[in-house]
Amino acid sequence: MELNQAQCRALGINAGFMIFIIIIMGMRMWARLVITKAIGLDDIMMAFGTLMTIAVSITVMISVVRGVGKARVDIPAESWEPMLLSFWVSRLMYAIAMVLVKVALLLFYFVMSVIECSPPEVFWTSKGDRIIYMQQCMTQSKQQAFWDAAGIIVIITDICLWICPIPMIWNLQLPKRQKWAVSAVFALGIISVVAGCVRFYYVRQLANEPELYQQLAYSLVWYALELYVAIFCGCSSALKVFFKRYFPALLGSSSPRTGYSLDSCGNAGTKTRTSHPLTDLSDRLPGNHTVISSGWRGRRVTTKTKHVSTNDSEEAIMSSEEGIQKQTEIQVRQEVARVSTF
């Protein structure tokens, strides 16, 4: 069956976003199950919402292949029943998917509200004491996702869901780069609002449209976009965990780790994840310092002390009642070599 431009657009967008959202949800579930090892009810609801959204795309694609997007005279007689059936099923799936996605977002807000402080009553019994609040409640950075969604529970609409948290982000004590990043995620949610508005516009246009099924393809494009963008925005908090673990450079952060090892002589050493060995600064910087090295051979212990005298920034001149005193900082390095004796 030959497809026109509107049908190809509907098939391409739905197929592309199906692949995209499967990857996004896979990253979210990996972050919850493997990295944080904590999966919540909101994750389960979002997973079911994603499955229902994929079902919406499949039924939409079937209806398009069967004739949606063409003029009545161009739709074969045998395609009418499967076309209308798939379109009818897509409407049911759309309602279920939208409910699950919105409930998942609101469940995330609910859970964050409950666990913000431990125990929860600290939130209203601390009487504004910042010390108590900081000790028994989440830090401001950990509550970022919580405050991003604050205010949306009162008016459950797409506009309040995605736009209201943006001003709150800029009032948080966060780097500007992070504020822009989080604001961009919520600004992306505006696309979901716009998609819903455009879809409604096309639905209104169908009221007096003689070629109903030809124009239907345009509304079905925004029909799916509204759901996919909502799911993507709902996964943003989990995606941050995923990218922070595996792609920290993308977030402008690094997490060097310090390890400890023994060299061939049994000396304790320190190394970092960035592969830059730590060296003794006393060998490089001038100043008064003492080097103590202890060698152990049998039961005999020898100690050598070396004193180097220079006048540099490590020396301080202080005045007192007794006159001028000289204060010198001494750096001590101890090396212990273990030698087996028989």
Protein backbone atom coordinates (compact mmCIF):
# COMPACT_ATOMS: atom_id res chain seq x y z
CA MET A 1 0.00 0.00 0.00
CA GLU A 2 1.42 3.37 -1.02
CA LEU A 3 1.78 5.88 1.80
CA ASN A 4 1.54 9.65 1.52
CA GLN A 5 3.71 12.22 3.30
CA ALA A 6 1.45 12.56 6.36
CA GLN A 7 1.37 8.79 6.86
CA CYS A 8 5.16 8.48 6.53
CA ARG A 9 5.60 11.27 9.07
CA ALA A 10 3.27 9.59 11.56
CA LEU A 11 5.02 6.22 11.16
CA GLY A 12 8.52 7.69 11.40
CA ILE A 13 7.86 9.80 14.49
CA ASN A 14 6.13 7.00 16.38
CA ALA A 15 8.79 4.42 15.49
CA GLY A 16 11.63 6.77 16.36
CA PHE A 17 10.19 7.74 19.73
CA MET A 18 9.45 4.12 20.58
CA ILE A 19 13.17 3.32 20.30
CA PHE A 20 14.12 6.52 22.14
CA ILE A 21 11.81 5.95 25.10
CA ILE A 22 12.85 2.30 25.45
CA ILE A 23 16.47 3.46 25.85
CA ILE A 24 15.47 6.17 28.34
CA MET A 25 13.40 3.79 30.46
CA GLY A 26 16.17 1.20 30.32
CA MET A 27 18.60 3.75 31.73
CA ARG A 28 16.11 4.74 34.43
CA MET A 29 15.50 1.14 35.54
CA TRP A 30 19.25 0.42 35.47
CA ALA A 31 19.86 3.42 37.69
CA ARG A 32 17.18 2.27 40.14
CA LEU A 33 17.96 -1.47 40.18
CA VAL A 34 21.76 -1.51 39.81
CA ILE A 35 23.15 1.85 40.93
CA THR A 36 20.85 2.98 43.77
CA LYS A 37 19.31 -0.48 44.36
CA ALA A 38 16.02 1.18 45.26
CA ILE A 39 12.94 0.95 43.08
CA GLY A 40 9.75 2.72 44.04
CA LEU A 41 6.10 2.64 43.13
CA ASP A 42 6.60 5.65 40.86
CA ASP A 43 9.17 3.67 38.84
CA ILE A 44 6.70 0.81 38.42
CA MET A 45 3.92 3.17 37.37
CA MET A 46 6.22 4.90 34.88
CA ALA A 47 7.27 1.52 33.45
CA PHE A 48 3.63 0.54 32.91
CA GLY A 49 2.94 3.99 31.48
CA THR A 50 5.79 3.47 29.02
CA LEU A 51 4.41 0.08 27.96
CA MET A 52 0.98 1.60 27.39
CA THR A 53 2.53 4.48 25.43
CA ILE A 54 4.35 2.00 23.19
CA ALA A 55 1.01 0.24 22.72
CA VAL A 56 -0.48 3.59 21.69
CA SER A 57 2.22 4.00 19.03
CA ILE A 58 1.74 0.46 17.73
CA THR A 59 -2.02 0.88 17.36
CA VAL A 60 -1.53 4.30 15.75
CA MET A 61 0.94 2.83 13.26
CA ILE A 62 -1.49 0.02 12.43
CA SER A 63 -4.30 2.50 11.84
CA VAL A 64 -2.02 4.60 9.61
CA VAL A 65 -0.98 1.59 7.54
CA ARG A 66 -4.63 0.60 7.19
CA GLY A 67 -5.71 3.99 5.88
CA VAL A 68 -5.59 6.82 8.40
CA GLY A 69 -4.10 9.80 6.61
CA LYS A 70 -5.80 9.13 3.28
CA ALA A 71 -8.97 10.43 1.70
CA ARG A 72 -12.08 8.27 2.08
CA VAL A 73 -12.10 7.26 -1.57
CA ASP A 74 -8.52 5.99 -1.29
CA ILE A 75 -9.17 3.71 1.69
CA PRO A 76 -9.84 0.10 0.59
CA ALA A 77 -13.10 -1.44 1.81
CA GLU A 78 -11.30 -4.27 3.62
CA SER A 79 -9.18 -1.77 5.60
CA TRP A 80 -12.01 0.09 7.27
CA GLU A 81 -12.70 -2.34 10.10
CA PRO A 82 -9.06 -2.94 11.21
CA MET A 83 -8.32 0.77 10.77
CA LEU A 84 -11.17 1.89 12.99
CA LEU A 85 -10.54 -0.89 15.51
CA SER A 86 -6.86 0.03 15.93
CA PHE A 87 -7.77 3.71 16.21
CA TRP A 88 -10.40 2.92 18.86
CA VAL A 89 -7.90 0.84 20.86
CA SER A 90 -5.32 3.64 20.63
CA ARG A 91 -7.79 6.02 22.26
CA LEU A 92 -8.26 3.65 25.19
CA MET A 93 -4.52 3.09 25.54
CA TYR A 94 -3.87 6.82 25.41
CA ALA A 95 -6.16 7.48 28.37
CA ILE A 96 -4.56 4.71 30.43
CA ALA A 97 -1.01 5.75 29.52
CA MET A 98 -1.61 9.40 30.39
CA VAL A 99 -3.08 8.46 33.78
CA LEU A 100 -0.12 6.19 34.61
CA VAL A 101 2.49 8.75 33.57
CA LYS A 102 0.86 11.58 35.54
CA VAL A 103 0.30 9.36 38.59
CA ALA A 104 3.97 8.30 38.46
CA LEU A 105 5.07 11.94 38.49
CA LEU A 106 2.77 12.78 41.39
CA LEU A 107 3.83 9.66 43.30
CA PHE A 108 7.43 10.84 43.06
CA TYR A 109 6.38 14.16 44.60
CA PHE A 110 4.42 12.34 47.33
CA VAL A 111 7.28 10.02 48.28
CA MET A 112 9.81 12.86 48.38
CA SER A 113 7.46 14.83 50.64
CA VAL A 114 7.20 11.92 53.08
CA ILE A 115 10.90 11.07 53.32
CA GLU A 116 12.26 14.62 53.22
CA CYS A 117 12.87 14.47 56.99
CA SER A 118 13.42 11.49 59.25
CA PRO A 119 11.21 11.23 61.22
CA PRO A 120 8.70 13.24 59.13
CA GLU A 121 7.44 15.27 62.10
CA VAL A 122 10.79 17.09 62.25
CA PHE A 123 9.55 19.11 59.30
CA TRP A 124 6.87 20.85 61.39
CA THR A 125 8.29 20.45 64.94
CA SER A 126 11.76 21.92 64.28
CA LYS A 127 10.29 25.44 64.68
CA GLY A 128 12.52 26.76 61.92
CA ASP A 129 15.76 25.63 63.58
CA ARG A 130 18.20 25.23 60.66
CA ILE A 131 20.62 23.07 62.67
CA ILE A 132 17.93 20.50 63.49
CA TYR A 133 16.63 20.64 59.93
CA MET A 134 20.07 20.05 58.39
CA GLN A 135 20.81 17.16 60.75
CA GLN A 136 17.58 15.23 60.27
CA CYS A 137 16.41 16.29 56.81
CA MET A 138 17.80 15.92 53.33
CA THR A 139 20.38 18.40 52.16
CA GLN A 140 19.37 21.04 49.69
CA SER A 141 21.13 19.32 46.81
CA LYS A 142 19.34 16.02 47.48
CA GLN A 143 16.00 17.78 47.52
CA GLN A 144 16.60 19.29 44.09
CA ALA A 145 14.22 16.95 42.29
CA PHE A 146 11.67 17.48 45.07
CA TRP A 147 11.73 21.28 44.80
CA ASP A 148 11.71 21.09 41.02
CA ALA A 149 8.20 19.64 41.24
CA ALA A 150 6.99 21.75 44.21
CA GLY A 151 3.72 23.54 43.72
CA ILE A 152 2.34 21.24 41.00
CA ILE A 153 0.27 19.15 43.38
CA VAL A 154 -2.25 21.95 43.98
CA ILE A 155 -3.25 22.45 40.36
CA ILE A 156 -2.84 19.23 38.38
CA THR A 157 -2.38 20.62 34.91
CA ASP A 158 0.47 20.42 32.47
CA ILE A 159 1.19 24.13 32.74
CA CYS A 160 1.74 24.04 36.52
CA LEU A 161 3.47 20.68 36.24
CA TRP A 162 6.34 21.93 34.09
CA ILE A 163 6.53 25.74 34.39
CA CYS A 164 6.03 26.50 38.10
CA PRO A 165 9.25 24.80 39.38
CA ILE A 166 11.55 26.84 37.10
CA PRO A 167 11.58 30.05 39.25
CA MET A 168 12.18 27.92 42.35
CA ILE A 169 15.29 26.38 40.78
CA TRP A 170 16.91 29.79 40.45
CA ASN A 171 16.32 30.49 44.16
CA LEU A 172 18.27 27.39 45.20
CA GLN A 173 21.96 27.59 46.15
CA LEU A 174 23.17 25.78 43.04
CA PRO A 175 25.78 26.55 40.37
CA LYS A 176 24.37 28.45 37.40
CA ARG A 177 25.28 25.62 35.06
CA GLN A 178 23.22 23.20 37.11
CA LYS A 179 20.34 25.65 37.31
CA TRP A 180 20.33 25.98 33.53
CA ALA A 181 20.46 22.20 33.12
CA VAL A 182 17.51 21.54 35.45
CA SER A 183 15.57 24.45 33.99
CA ALA A 184 16.15 23.02 30.52
CA VAL A 185 14.62 19.71 31.59
CA PHE A 186 11.51 21.41 32.89
CA ALA A 187 11.41 23.75 29.93
CA LEU A 188 11.35 20.63 27.79
CA GLY A 189 8.15 19.75 29.61
CA ILE A 190 6.59 22.80 27.96
CA ILE A 191 6.80 20.83 24.71
CA SER A 192 4.45 18.30 26.28
CA VAL A 193 2.05 21.13 27.09
CA VAL A 194 2.38 22.53 23.56
CA ALA A 195 1.90 19.06 22.10
CA GLY A 196 -1.33 18.67 24.06
CA CYS A 197 -2.53 22.08 22.88
CA VAL A 198 -1.69 21.34 19.23
CA ARG A 199 -3.37 17.95 19.48
CA PHE A 200 -6.47 19.62 20.87
CA TYR A 201 -6.35 22.13 18.00
CA TYR A 202 -6.34 19.36 15.42
CA VAL A 203 -9.09 17.51 17.26
CA ARG A 204 -11.21 20.66 17.12
CA GLN A 205 -10.49 20.93 13.41
CA LEU A 206 -11.91 17.45 12.92
CA ALA A 207 -15.34 18.54 14.15
CA ASN A 208 -16.46 19.83 10.73
CA GLU A 209 -13.88 18.06 8.56
CA PRO A 210 -15.40 15.96 5.75
CA GLU A 211 -12.09 14.13 5.24
CA LEU A 212 -11.89 13.07 8.87
CA TYR A 213 -9.39 10.24 8.50
CA GLN A 214 -7.11 12.19 6.19
CA GLN A 215 -6.64 14.95 8.77
CA LEU A 216 -6.47 12.50 11.65
CA ALA A 217 -2.80 11.71 10.96
CA TYR A 218 -1.75 15.22 12.02
CA SER A 219 -3.38 14.95 15.44
CA LEU A 220 -1.93 11.48 15.99
CA VAL A 221 1.62 12.84 15.69
CA TRP A 222 1.08 15.22 18.63
CA TYR A 223 -0.99 12.51 20.28
CA ALA A 224 2.21 10.49 20.86
CA LEU A 225 4.65 13.38 21.37
CA GLU A 226 2.71 14.58 24.41
CA LEU A 227 3.24 11.24 26.14
CA TYR A 228 6.85 10.69 25.13
CA VAL A 229 8.04 14.10 26.29
CA ALA A 230 6.21 13.65 29.61
CA ILE A 231 7.95 10.30 30.17
CA PHE A 232 11.35 11.75 29.28
CA CYS A 233 10.94 14.62 31.74
CA GLY A 234 9.72 12.22 34.41
CA CYS A 235 12.92 10.16 33.98
CA SER A 236 15.25 13.15 34.33
CA SER A 237 16.13 12.55 38.00
CA ALA A 238 17.09 8.92 37.36
CA LEU A 239 19.05 9.87 34.25
CA LYS A 240 21.20 12.23 36.33
CA VAL A 241 22.23 9.27 38.53
CA PHE A 242 22.98 7.18 35.43
CA PHE A 243 25.14 9.82 33.73
CA LYS A 244 26.87 10.78 36.99
CA ARG A 245 28.00 7.16 37.40
CA TYR A 246 29.02 6.34 33.83
CA PHE A 247 29.50 9.72 32.09
CA PRO A 248 30.52 12.24 34.81
CA ALA A 249 32.21 14.52 32.29
CA LEU A 250 28.86 15.30 30.68
CA LEU A 251 27.69 16.84 33.97
CA GLY A 252 30.91 18.80 34.42
CA SER A 253 32.00 16.80 37.45
CA SER A 254 34.57 14.18 38.28
CA SER A 255 34.89 11.74 41.14
CA PRO A 256 38.54 10.90 41.76
CA ARG A 257 39.07 8.19 44.33
CA THR A 258 42.02 7.57 46.59
CA GLY A 259 43.48 4.13 47.05
CA TYR A 260 46.32 2.67 49.11
CA SER A 261 48.95 0.21 48.00
CA LEU A 262 52.31 -1.28 48.98
CA ASP A 263 55.41 -1.05 46.80
CA SER A 264 58.05 -3.76 46.37
CA CYS A 265 59.82 -2.70 49.56
CA GLY A 266 56.71 -2.84 51.65
CA ASN A 267 56.32 0.93 51.86
CA ALA A 268 52.82 2.25 52.14
CA GLY A 269 51.89 4.55 49.30
CA THR A 270 48.94 6.54 48.09
CA LYS A 271 47.58 6.71 44.58
CA THR A 272 44.58 8.33 43.00
CA ARG A 273 42.13 7.28 40.31
CA THR A 274 43.54 9.98 38.02
CA SER A 275 46.92 8.16 37.90
CA HIS A 276 48.93 11.14 39.22
CA PRO A 277 51.34 9.76 41.88
CA LEU A 278 51.63 11.72 45.08
CA THR A 279 55.15 13.01 45.81
CA ASP A 280 56.75 14.54 48.85
CA LEU A 281 56.58 18.28 48.52
CA SER A 282 59.53 18.67 50.88
CA ASP A 283 61.84 17.60 48.05
CA ARG A 284 60.53 20.40 45.85
CA LEU A 285 59.80 23.30 48.13
CA PRO A 286 62.58 25.20 49.93
CA GLY A 287 62.45 25.78 53.63
CA ASN A 288 63.43 24.37 57.00
CA HIS A 289 62.44 20.76 57.25
CA THR A 290 63.56 17.60 58.96
CA VAL A 291 63.75 14.23 57.23
CA ILE A 292 63.65 11.18 59.47
CA SER A 293 64.36 7.78 57.93
CA SER A 294 64.33 4.60 59.95
CA GLY A 295 65.92 1.42 58.64
CA TRP A 296 65.15 -1.88 60.30
CA ARG A 297 67.70 -4.65 59.91
CA GLY A 298 67.36 -7.28 62.59
CA ARG A 299 66.87 -5.52 65.89
CA ARG A 300 68.99 -2.51 65.14
CA VAL A 301 67.23 0.75 64.39
CA THR A 302 69.14 3.75 63.04
CA THR A 303 67.76 7.23 62.69
CA LYS A 304 69.21 9.94 60.49
CA THR A 305 68.18 13.54 60.83
CA LYS A 306 68.89 16.17 58.22
CA HIS A 307 68.30 19.86 58.84
CA VAL A 308 68.35 22.41 56.05
CA SER A 309 68.19 26.08 56.88
CA THR A 310 66.81 28.68 54.52
CA ASN A 311 64.74 31.76 54.92
CA ASP A 312 61.50 31.50 52.95
CA SER A 313 57.76 31.81 53.28
CA GLU A 314 57.55 28.97 55.79
CA GLU A 315 59.27 31.11 58.42
CA ALA A 316 57.34 33.72 60.33
CA ILE A 317 58.67 36.65 62.35
CA MET A 318 56.60 37.41 65.45
CA SER A 319 57.08 40.17 67.97
CA SER A 320 56.62 39.60 71.69
CA GLU A 321 57.56 41.16 74.99
CA GLU A 322 60.83 39.19 75.02
CA GLY A 323 61.92 40.41 71.59
CA ILE A 324 61.71 38.99 68.10
CA GLN A 325 61.03 35.30 67.82
CA LYS A 326 61.43 33.08 64.77
CA GLN A 327 58.85 30.38 64.15
CA THR A 328 59.72 27.57 61.76
CA GLU A 329 57.38 24.91 60.42
CA ILE A 330 59.02 21.49 60.27
CA GLN A 331 57.86 18.82 57.86
CA VAL A 332 58.59 15.25 58.87
CA ARG A 333 58.78 12.33 56.48
CA GLN A 334 59.18 8.83 57.82
CA GLU A 335 60.27 5.92 55.66
CA VAL A 336 60.26 2.41 57.10
CA ALA A 337 62.01 -0.39 55.20
CA ARG A 338 61.42 -3.93 56.36
CA VAL A 339 64.17 -6.50 55.73
CA SER A 340 63.71 -10.15 56.61
CA THR A 341 66.50 -11.80 58.65
CA PHE A 342 67.10 -15.46 59.17
